[in-house]
Amino acid sequence: MKIERIKMTRSTFLDEEQLIANAIEVLLDKLGPIETSRFLSLPRKKRIESVKRHQLWQGRIKKDEYFDKLFKE
């Protein structure tokens, strides 16, 4: 497949097919076929819903230390 080179500007948006093709070409050029395949096969981390993520964060912090650091004079 021939990939069309487009001069990119801040306001240029490619359609999804062209974006994917360009990204894969860059990966192949910089990483080679094996590392590109490996990169594309990496598992994605499961996203945690934002409220749950915040609750987990709150559970890990030490409130007094956090407030001292946040509001130190």
Protein backbone atom coordinates (compact mmCIF):
# COMPACT_ATOMS: atom_id res chain seq x y z
CA MET A 1 0.00 0.00 0.00
CA LYS A 2 1.42 3.38 -1.01
CA ILE A 3 1.19 5.94 1.76
CA GLU A 4 0.56 9.51 0.73
CA ARG A 5 2.88 12.00 2.42
CA ILE A 6 1.04 15.04 3.73
CA LYS A 7 2.72 18.16 5.06
CA MET A 8 1.27 18.47 8.52
CA THR A 9 0.26 21.75 10.14
CA ARG A 10 -1.33 22.43 13.50
CA SER A 11 -4.77 22.48 11.86
CA THR A 12 -4.37 19.39 9.65
CA PHE A 13 -6.49 16.41 10.60
CA LEU A 14 -6.12 13.11 8.79
CA ASP A 15 -8.93 10.67 8.37
CA GLU A 16 -8.57 7.64 10.63
CA GLU A 17 -7.33 5.30 7.90
CA GLN A 18 -4.55 7.71 6.87
CA LEU A 19 -3.62 8.39 10.51
CA ILE A 20 -3.26 4.67 11.24
CA ALA A 21 -1.28 4.06 8.05
CA ASN A 22 1.12 6.93 8.83
CA ALA A 23 1.56 5.83 12.44
CA ILE A 24 2.35 2.25 11.43
CA GLU A 25 4.82 3.49 8.83
CA VAL A 26 6.63 5.57 11.47
CA LEU A 27 6.69 2.63 13.88
CA LEU A 28 8.05 0.30 11.21
CA ASP A 29 10.68 2.86 10.20
CA LYS A 30 11.85 3.55 13.76
CA LEU A 31 11.34 0.18 15.46
CA GLY A 32 11.35 -2.41 12.69
CA PRO A 33 8.68 -5.04 12.05
CA ILE A 34 9.23 -7.19 15.14
CA GLU A 35 9.19 -4.38 17.70
CA THR A 36 6.27 -2.70 15.90
CA SER A 37 4.30 -5.93 16.12
CA ARG A 38 5.27 -6.29 19.76
CA PHE A 39 4.20 -2.71 20.51
CA LEU A 40 0.85 -3.13 18.77
CA SER A 41 0.23 -6.34 20.73
CA LEU A 42 0.87 -4.86 24.19
CA PRO A 43 -2.12 -5.36 26.46
CA ARG A 44 -3.91 -2.22 27.58
CA LYS A 45 -4.30 -1.52 31.24
CA LYS A 46 -7.91 -1.62 32.31
CA ARG A 47 -9.18 1.86 33.12
CA ILE A 48 -10.66 2.45 36.52
CA GLU A 49 -13.79 4.57 36.70
CA SER A 50 -12.84 8.05 37.95
CA VAL A 51 -14.79 8.00 41.23
CA LYS A 52 -13.33 4.60 42.12
CA ARG A 53 -9.83 5.84 41.18
CA HIS A 54 -10.30 8.88 43.44
CA GLN A 55 -11.52 6.71 46.32
CA LEU A 56 -8.46 4.46 45.96
CA TRP A 57 -6.21 7.54 45.97
CA GLN A 58 -7.94 8.91 49.07
CA GLY A 59 -7.45 5.59 50.85
CA ARG A 60 -3.69 5.67 50.23
CA ILE A 61 -2.90 9.19 51.37
CA LYS A 62 -2.08 10.21 54.91
CA LYS A 63 -4.49 13.11 55.38
CA ASP A 64 -2.49 15.11 57.93
CA GLU A 65 0.77 14.84 55.97
CA TYR A 66 -1.04 15.71 52.75
CA PHE A 67 -2.71 18.81 54.21
CA ASP A 68 0.54 19.90 55.89
CA LYS A 69 2.32 19.69 52.55
CA LEU A 70 -0.57 21.31 50.65
CA PHE A 71 -1.13 24.22 53.04
CA LYS A 72 2.30 24.67 54.55
CA GLU A 73 3.10 28.24 55.41
